[in-house]
Protein backbone atom coordinates (compact mmCIF):
# COMPACT_ATOMS: atom_id res chain seq x y z
CA MET A 1 -1.78 -28.29 16.79
CA LYS A 2 -1.69 -25.89 13.84
CA PHE A 3 -4.69 -25.12 11.68
CA SER A 4 -3.91 -27.20 8.59
CA PRO A 5 -6.65 -27.43 5.94
CA THR A 6 -4.04 -28.59 3.41
CA THR A 7 -3.51 -31.90 5.23
CA ASN A 8 -6.46 -32.11 7.63
CA PRO A 9 -9.86 -32.77 5.97
CA GLU A 10 -11.74 -31.67 9.09
CA HIS A 11 -9.98 -28.31 9.02
CA LEU A 12 -10.71 -27.97 5.31
CA GLN A 13 -14.43 -28.47 5.94
CA VAL A 14 -14.33 -25.55 8.36
CA ILE A 15 -13.46 -23.04 5.65
CA ILE A 16 -15.20 -24.34 2.51
CA LYS A 17 -18.64 -25.56 1.52
CA PRO A 18 -19.89 -27.48 -1.53
CA THR A 19 -22.10 -25.96 -4.21
CA LEU A 20 -23.62 -27.59 -7.28
CA ASN A 21 -20.46 -27.17 -9.33
CA ARG A 22 -17.56 -26.65 -6.95
CA LEU A 23 -16.26 -25.97 -3.47
CA VAL A 24 -16.32 -22.33 -2.35
CA PHE A 25 -14.91 -20.31 0.53
CA LYS A 26 -17.51 -19.84 3.24
CA SER A 27 -19.21 -16.50 3.85
CA ASP A 28 -18.01 -14.28 6.66
CA GLU A 29 -20.67 -15.33 9.17
CA GLU A 30 -20.38 -19.02 8.26
CA LEU A 31 -16.61 -19.01 8.60
CA ALA A 32 -16.60 -17.18 11.92
CA GLU A 33 -19.07 -19.67 13.38
CA SER A 34 -17.23 -22.68 11.94
CA LEU A 35 -13.94 -21.59 13.46
CA LYS A 36 -15.57 -21.52 16.88
CA THR A 37 -16.22 -25.27 16.64
CA LEU A 38 -12.51 -26.10 16.53
CA PRO A 39 -10.59 -27.23 19.65
CA LYS A 40 -9.24 -24.37 21.75
CA GLU A 41 -5.63 -25.51 21.33
CA ILE A 42 -5.64 -24.92 17.57
CA ASP A 43 -2.77 -22.60 16.55
CA PHE A 44 -3.84 -20.14 13.84
CA ASP A 45 -0.48 -18.37 13.67
CA VAL A 46 1.46 -21.01 11.72
CA PRO A 47 1.24 -20.74 7.91
CA ASP A 48 0.01 -23.98 6.31
CA GLU A 49 2.13 -24.48 3.18
CA GLU A 50 0.35 -22.82 0.22
CA PHE A 51 -2.75 -22.20 2.34
CA ASN A 52 -1.07 -19.26 4.13
CA THR A 53 -3.05 -18.39 7.31
CA ILE A 54 -6.73 -18.09 8.02
CA LEU A 55 -6.23 -14.44 9.06
CA TYR A 56 -4.69 -13.61 5.69
CA LEU A 57 -7.45 -15.40 3.78
CA ALA A 58 -10.14 -13.71 5.83
CA ALA A 59 -8.54 -10.31 5.21
CA ALA A 60 -8.18 -11.04 1.49
CA ASN A 61 -11.89 -11.83 1.27
CA ASN A 62 -12.99 -8.85 3.39
CA HIS A 63 -14.42 -11.15 6.08
CA ILE A 64 -14.75 -8.56 8.83
CA LYS A 65 -16.42 -10.74 11.47
CA THR A 66 -13.89 -13.52 10.99
CA VAL A 67 -10.95 -11.13 11.28
CA SER A 68 -12.49 -9.62 14.41
CA TYR A 69 -12.96 -13.08 15.96
CA LEU A 70 -9.39 -14.11 15.19
CA LEU A 71 -7.86 -10.91 16.56
CA LEU A 72 -10.03 -10.33 19.61
CA GLU A 73 -10.92 -13.83 20.79
CA LYS A 74 -8.13 -16.03 19.46
CA LYS A 75 -5.44 -13.33 19.85
CA VAL A 76 -3.91 -14.18 16.48
CA ASN A 77 -0.68 -12.35 15.66
CA PRO A 78 -1.67 -9.61 13.15
CA ASN A 79 1.87 -9.42 11.75
CA ILE A 80 2.30 -13.05 10.65
CA LYS A 81 3.81 -13.21 7.17
CA VAL A 82 2.72 -15.64 4.48
CA SER A 83 3.95 -16.20 0.91
CA GLU A 84 6.08 -13.35 -0.46
CA ASP A 85 6.27 -12.01 3.12
CA LEU A 86 2.81 -10.50 2.87
CA THR A 87 0.76 -9.67 5.97
CA ALA A 88 -2.98 -9.27 6.35
CA ALA A 89 -2.42 -5.50 6.30
CA HIS A 90 -0.72 -5.70 2.90
CA ILE A 91 -3.63 -7.45 1.20
CA ALA A 92 -6.29 -5.35 2.94
CA ALA A 93 -4.52 -2.12 1.97
CA ALA A 94 -4.05 -3.22 -1.63
CA LYS A 95 -7.72 -4.16 -2.03
CA GLY A 96 -9.07 -1.11 -0.23
CA TYR A 97 -10.65 -3.00 2.67
CA ILE A 98 -10.77 -0.16 5.18
CA ASP A 99 -12.85 -2.09 7.75
CA ILE A 100 -10.24 -4.86 7.88
CA LEU A 101 -7.46 -2.31 8.31
CA GLU A 102 -9.36 -0.67 11.17
CA LYS A 103 -9.60 -4.04 12.93
CA LEU A 104 -5.87 -4.59 12.45
CA ALA A 105 -5.07 -1.05 13.59
CA GLY A 106 -6.88 -1.80 16.84
CA CYS A 107 -4.22 -4.37 17.78
CA GLU A 108 -1.56 -2.98 20.11
CA ASN A 109 1.22 -4.95 18.42
CA ILE A 110 0.29 -4.20 14.81
CA GLN A 111 3.24 -3.22 12.60
CA PHE A 112 2.19 -1.27 9.52
CA ASN A 113 5.85 -0.86 8.55
CA GLU A 114 6.37 -4.54 7.72
CA LYS A 115 7.93 -5.05 4.28
CA ASP A 116 7.01 -7.78 1.84
CA ARG A 117 9.40 -9.63 -0.45
CA TYR A 118 9.73 -6.55 -2.64
CA GLY A 119 10.33 -4.12 0.20
CA GLU A 120 6.80 -2.76 0.02
CA THR A 121 4.83 -1.69 3.09
CA PRO A 122 1.02 -1.72 3.37
CA LEU A 123 1.09 2.03 2.61
CA PHE A 124 3.06 1.40 -0.57
CA ARG A 125 0.65 -1.36 -1.61
CA ALA A 126 -2.32 0.92 -0.99
CA ILE A 127 -0.93 3.76 -3.09
CA GLY A 128 -0.17 1.36 -5.91
CA ASN A 129 -3.37 -0.68 -5.90
CA ALA A 130 -6.24 0.53 -3.70
CA PRO A 131 -9.35 1.89 -5.46
CA ASP A 132 -9.61 5.69 -5.64
CA GLU A 133 -12.72 5.90 -3.48
CA LYS A 134 -10.95 4.28 -0.51
CA LEU A 135 -7.39 5.45 -1.04
CA LEU A 136 -7.25 8.67 1.00
CA GLU A 137 -9.02 7.12 3.97
CA ILE A 138 -6.64 4.16 3.97
CA ILE A 139 -3.57 6.38 3.75
CA ARG A 140 -4.77 8.51 6.68
CA LEU A 141 -5.37 5.40 8.79
CA ILE A 142 -1.95 3.91 8.08
CA ILE A 143 -0.05 7.19 8.55
CA ASN A 144 -1.86 7.81 11.83
CA LYS A 145 -0.74 4.41 13.11
CA ALA A 146 2.71 4.35 11.50
CA PRO A 147 3.88 7.88 10.57
CA SER A 148 7.34 6.72 9.51
CA SER A 149 5.89 4.52 6.74
CA ILE A 150 5.56 7.67 4.65
CA SER A 151 9.33 7.58 4.10
CA VAL A 152 9.87 3.85 3.47
CA PRO A 153 10.87 3.08 -0.15
CA ASN A 154 10.58 -0.29 -1.85
CA GLU A 155 13.56 -2.41 -2.96
CA ASP A 156 13.92 -0.30 -6.12
CA GLY A 157 14.21 2.93 -4.15
CA ILE A 158 10.76 4.19 -5.13
CA SER A 159 9.22 6.24 -2.31
CA PRO A 160 5.48 6.36 -1.55
CA ILE A 161 5.23 9.91 -2.92
CA GLU A 162 7.01 8.92 -6.15
CA LEU A 163 4.51 6.08 -6.53
CA ALA A 164 1.66 8.56 -6.02
CA LEU A 165 3.24 10.70 -8.75
CA GLN A 166 3.39 7.71 -11.09
CA ARG A 167 -0.30 7.10 -10.38
CA GLN A 168 -0.90 10.82 -11.04
CA HIS A 169 -3.07 11.08 -7.93
CA LEU A 170 -2.92 14.74 -6.90
CA PRO A 171 -4.93 14.46 -3.63
CA VAL A 172 -2.64 11.66 -2.43
CA ILE A 173 0.45 13.73 -3.21
CA TYR A 174 -1.00 16.64 -1.22
CA LEU A 175 -1.87 14.32 1.69
CA LEU A 176 1.61 12.83 1.81
CA LEU A 177 3.23 16.26 1.69
CA GLU A 178 0.95 17.53 4.47
CA ASN A 179 2.21 14.66 6.60
CA GLY A 180 5.89 15.38 6.06
CA ALA A 181 6.85 13.41 2.95
CA ASP A 182 10.23 14.39 1.52
CA VAL A 183 10.61 14.85 -2.24
CA ASN A 184 14.04 13.56 -3.21
CA LYS A 185 15.99 14.34 -6.36
CA ARG A 186 14.97 11.09 -8.03
CA CYS A 187 11.29 11.91 -7.55
CA CYS A 188 11.83 15.42 -8.90
CA MET A 189 13.57 14.05 -12.00
CA THR A 190 10.73 11.59 -12.53
CA ALA A 191 8.28 14.51 -12.45
CA ALA A 192 10.38 16.48 -14.93
CA ASN A 193 10.60 13.51 -17.29
CA MET A 194 6.84 12.97 -17.09
CA MET A 195 6.26 16.58 -18.10
CA MET A 196 8.76 16.34 -20.95
CA SER A 197 7.07 13.21 -22.25
CA GLN A 198 3.92 15.25 -22.83
CA SER A 199 5.66 18.32 -24.27
CA VAL A 200 6.03 19.37 -27.89
CA PRO A 201 8.78 21.42 -29.59
CA SER A 202 8.04 25.11 -30.17
CA ARG A 203 9.64 27.02 -33.02
CA LYS A 204 8.62 30.30 -31.41
CA LEU A 205 10.69 29.52 -28.31
CA ALA A 206 13.95 28.63 -30.07
CA ASN A 207 13.22 24.91 -30.09
CA GLY A 208 12.18 24.95 -26.46
CA PHE A 209 9.33 22.76 -25.29
CA VAL A 210 5.74 23.69 -24.53
CA PHE A 211 3.64 21.45 -22.33
CA PHE A 212 0.75 19.96 -24.25
CA THR A 213 -2.50 20.60 -22.33
CA GLY A 214 -5.02 19.25 -24.77
CA SER A 215 -6.65 16.78 -22.37
CA THR A 216 -7.77 16.46 -18.78
CA GLU A 217 -5.29 13.62 -18.28
CA ASN A 218 -2.38 15.79 -19.38
CA ASP A 219 -3.55 18.64 -17.17
CA ASN A 220 -3.61 16.31 -14.16
CA LEU A 221 -0.12 15.07 -15.01
CA ARG A 222 1.09 18.65 -15.24
CA GLN A 223 -0.39 19.57 -11.84
CA CYS A 224 1.14 16.51 -10.16
CA ALA A 225 4.57 17.03 -11.70
CA LYS A 226 4.55 20.77 -11.04
CA LEU A 227 3.69 20.25 -7.37
CA ILE A 228 6.50 17.71 -6.97
CA ILE A 229 9.10 19.94 -8.65
CA GLU A 230 8.06 23.06 -6.70
CA THR A 231 8.11 21.15 -3.42
CA TYR A 232 11.54 19.70 -4.14
CA ASN A 233 12.90 23.19 -4.81
CA LYS A 234 11.44 24.48 -1.54
CA GLN A 235 12.59 21.53 0.56
CA HIS A 236 16.10 21.46 -0.88
CA LEU A 237 16.74 25.16 -1.56
CA ALA A 238 19.88 25.38 0.58
CA GLU A 239 21.23 22.17 -0.91
CA ASN A 240 20.60 23.42 -4.45
CA VAL A 241 22.27 26.77 -3.74
CA LYS A 242 25.32 24.98 -2.33
CA GLU A 243 25.58 22.73 -5.41
CA LEU A 244 25.28 25.76 -7.69
CA ALA A 245 28.00 27.62 -5.80
CA ILE A 246 30.37 24.64 -6.05
CA SER A 247 29.62 24.29 -9.75
CA ASN A 248 30.35 28.00 -10.36
CA ARG A 249 33.68 27.78 -8.53
CA LEU A 250 34.72 24.77 -10.61
CA ASN A 251 33.87 26.60 -13.81
């Protein structure tokens, strides 16, 4: 029997409680204890229509004890996908719930490389959405468990390091590079375009452009873009020399 609060009133009462004005999701301790009252044959791995799964909801609400109970005692599959192919790791990474991610990382069969409907991994979701104060710690945890996720782009071809560039998060860019991230030509061009967007024409330099550094935000953009461009040139030096040689021969 699957856990089905959408169609089973008894199951619904396990996860919600009434207040003066409305029904609310139970607290972490209340939910963990309520789940223990259910029959042992209950299957928590089957998504329940729009309800998704209890593991996903617990992760989305940062219910650490409930997640721990589901993973350790009920042996729930940590990689079950719900709507839009999201996993518990996706939502925990996006919201910055490091404790939930640590619980998930403790599962032998966890897959941090799972893609959602848009081709995004938990690492990608973290870089795009996690709060600054948790971001580096989350990235380290995911990379340690799934090193190859550093190179997995989304459906639009945007790599994790290009997303970090778009966020203008210099420490994240450094961390990704330290762990072997490759800067491709697209990412380099994005960096160059970002710098140009904050540049102004200079009459003294024959209509060349001078980067405008009048604010802290622009200075951070400059540092991020400069690091990306310099790294691309270092990583792809031989490739660039070969392209230049071919171009010279054609001309």
